[in-house]
Amino acid sequence: MTKRVFNNDSAASLAKGPIRSQAANLLDRYGGGEALSASDMRLLSGKRWVVIGNADQMSRLQADWGRQMQSLESER
């Protein structure tokens, strides 16, 4: 799981798209096949933070923290 915190809402909002895209690209390039792929990963984000991890981890974290979750698969 990787977490990034931003100083303000605008910076976080602008960074979410590139972070999501770059994470999907890195998984495609170095992910390790079926064991770790963009389809298994999720991005969970709040106003000033972004977390990327596997779908199970992010579902549990979303249950605790709330906020918006997105798949990385659509970035392929």
C-alpha atoms as a PDB file:
ATOM      1  CA  MET A   1       0.000   0.000   0.000  1.00  0.00           C
ATOM      2  CA  THR A   2       1.284   3.467  -0.897  1.00  0.00           C
ATOM      3  CA  LYS A   3      -0.051   6.726   0.551  1.00  0.00           C
ATOM      4  CA  ARG A   4       0.524  10.309  -0.559  1.00  0.00           C
ATOM      5  CA  VAL A   5      -0.646  13.383   1.423  1.00  0.00           C
ATOM      6  CA  PHE A   6      -0.913  16.863  -0.134  1.00  0.00           C
ATOM      7  CA  ASN A   7      -0.725  20.370   1.343  1.00  0.00           C
ATOM      8  CA  ASN A   8      -3.991  21.555  -0.181  1.00  0.00           C
ATOM      9  CA  ASP A   9      -7.148  20.282  -1.880  1.00  0.00           C
ATOM     10  CA  SER A  10      -6.183  21.655  -5.313  1.00  0.00           C
ATOM     11  CA  ALA A  11      -2.823  19.882  -5.400  1.00  0.00           C
ATOM     12  CA  ALA A  12      -4.464  16.601  -4.418  1.00  0.00           C
ATOM     13  CA  SER A  13      -7.180  16.984  -7.027  1.00  0.00           C
ATOM     14  CA  LEU A  14      -4.671  17.714  -9.798  1.00  0.00           C
ATOM     15  CA  ALA A  15      -2.393  14.825  -8.822  1.00  0.00           C
ATOM     16  CA  LYS A  16      -4.987  12.018  -8.665  1.00  0.00           C
ATOM     17  CA  GLY A  17      -5.178  11.449 -12.424  1.00  0.00           C
ATOM     18  CA  PRO A  18      -1.414  11.279 -13.030  1.00  0.00           C
ATOM     19  CA  ILE A  19      -0.889   9.098  -9.925  1.00  0.00           C
ATOM     20  CA  ARG A  20      -3.580   6.684 -11.086  1.00  0.00           C
ATOM     21  CA  SER A  21      -2.173   6.534 -14.605  1.00  0.00           C
ATOM     22  CA  GLN A  22       1.444   6.101 -13.487  1.00  0.00           C
ATOM     23  CA  ALA A  23       0.498   3.349 -11.009  1.00  0.00           C
ATOM     24  CA  ALA A  24      -1.338   1.433 -13.732  1.00  0.00           C
ATOM     25  CA  ASN A  25       1.635   1.835 -16.106  1.00  0.00           C
ATOM     26  CA  LEU A  26       4.095   0.615 -13.471  1.00  0.00           C
ATOM     27  CA  LEU A  27       1.913  -2.395 -12.690  1.00  0.00           C
ATOM     28  CA  ASP A  28       1.719  -3.267 -16.378  1.00  0.00           C
ATOM     29  CA  ARG A  29       5.479  -2.975 -16.701  1.00  0.00           C
ATOM     30  CA  TYR A  30       6.687  -4.541 -13.433  1.00  0.00           C
ATOM     31  CA  GLY A  31       3.616  -6.015 -11.757  1.00  0.00           C
ATOM     32  CA  GLY A  32       4.419  -9.690 -11.733  1.00  0.00           C
ATOM     33  CA  GLY A  33       1.674 -11.053 -13.962  1.00  0.00           C
ATOM     34  CA  GLU A  34      -1.622 -12.310 -12.588  1.00  0.00           C
ATOM     35  CA  ALA A  35      -0.478 -12.021  -8.963  1.00  0.00           C
ATOM     36  CA  LEU A  36      -0.385  -8.223  -9.152  1.00  0.00           C
ATOM     37  CA  SER A  37      -2.230  -6.404 -11.909  1.00  0.00           C
ATOM     38  CA  ALA A  38      -4.052  -3.113 -12.368  1.00  0.00           C
ATOM     39  CA  SER A  39      -7.387  -4.953 -12.277  1.00  0.00           C
ATOM     40  CA  ASP A  40      -6.624  -6.020  -8.681  1.00  0.00           C
ATOM     41  CA  MET A  41      -5.548  -2.574  -7.493  1.00  0.00           C
ATOM     42  CA  ARG A  42      -7.618   0.376  -6.303  1.00  0.00           C
ATOM     43  CA  LEU A  43      -7.030   4.055  -5.640  1.00  0.00           C
ATOM     44  CA  LEU A  44      -8.793   5.433  -2.565  1.00  0.00           C
ATOM     45  CA  SER A  45      -8.784   9.199  -2.219  1.00  0.00           C
ATOM     46  CA  GLY A  46      -9.900  11.952   0.120  1.00  0.00           C
ATOM     47  CA  LYS A  47      -9.575  15.712  -0.133  1.00  0.00           C
ATOM     48  CA  ARG A  48      -5.822  15.764   0.577  1.00  0.00           C
ATOM     49  CA  TRP A  49      -4.671  12.154   0.330  1.00  0.00           C
ATOM     50  CA  VAL A  50      -4.400   9.269  -2.103  1.00  0.00           C
ATOM     51  CA  VAL A  51      -3.776   5.605  -1.219  1.00  0.00           C
ATOM     52  CA  ILE A  52      -3.104   2.778  -3.692  1.00  0.00           C
ATOM     53  CA  GLY A  53      -3.311  -0.879  -2.706  1.00  0.00           C
ATOM     54  CA  ASN A  54      -4.946  -4.178  -3.544  1.00  0.00           C
ATOM     55  CA  ALA A  55      -8.729  -4.300  -3.776  1.00  0.00           C
ATOM     56  CA  ASP A  56      -9.210  -6.124  -0.451  1.00  0.00           C
ATOM     57  CA  GLN A  57      -7.035  -3.675   1.489  1.00  0.00           C
ATOM     58  CA  MET A  58      -8.705  -0.665  -0.097  1.00  0.00           C
ATOM     59  CA  SER A  59     -12.215  -2.041   0.559  1.00  0.00           C
ATOM     60  CA  ARG A  60     -11.393  -2.451   4.266  1.00  0.00           C
ATOM     61  CA  LEU A  61      -9.805   0.994   4.389  1.00  0.00           C
ATOM     62  CA  GLN A  62     -12.801   2.538   2.634  1.00  0.00           C
ATOM     63  CA  ALA A  63     -15.095   0.942   5.231  1.00  0.00           C
ATOM     64  CA  ASP A  64     -13.070   2.742   7.939  1.00  0.00           C
ATOM     65  CA  TRP A  65     -12.262   6.026   6.185  1.00  0.00           C
ATOM     66  CA  GLY A  66     -15.021   6.370   3.596  1.00  0.00           C
ATOM     67  CA  ARG A  67     -14.263   8.454   0.509  1.00  0.00           C
ATOM     68  CA  GLN A  68     -13.997   7.563  -3.189  1.00  0.00           C
ATOM     69  CA  MET A  69     -12.438   4.374  -4.585  1.00  0.00           C
ATOM     70  CA  GLN A  70     -11.460   3.808  -8.241  1.00  0.00           C
ATOM     71  CA  SER A  71     -10.008   0.883 -10.164  1.00  0.00           C
ATOM     72  CA  LEU A  72      -6.645   1.307 -11.875  1.00  0.00           C
ATOM     73  CA  GLU A  73      -7.714  -1.021 -14.681  1.00  0.00           C
ATOM     74  CA  SER A  74      -9.412   1.723 -16.720  1.00  0.00           C
ATOM     75  CA  GLU A  75      -6.036   3.489 -17.022  1.00  0.00           C
ATOM     76  CA  ARG A  76      -4.486   0.689 -19.105  1.00  0.00           C
END
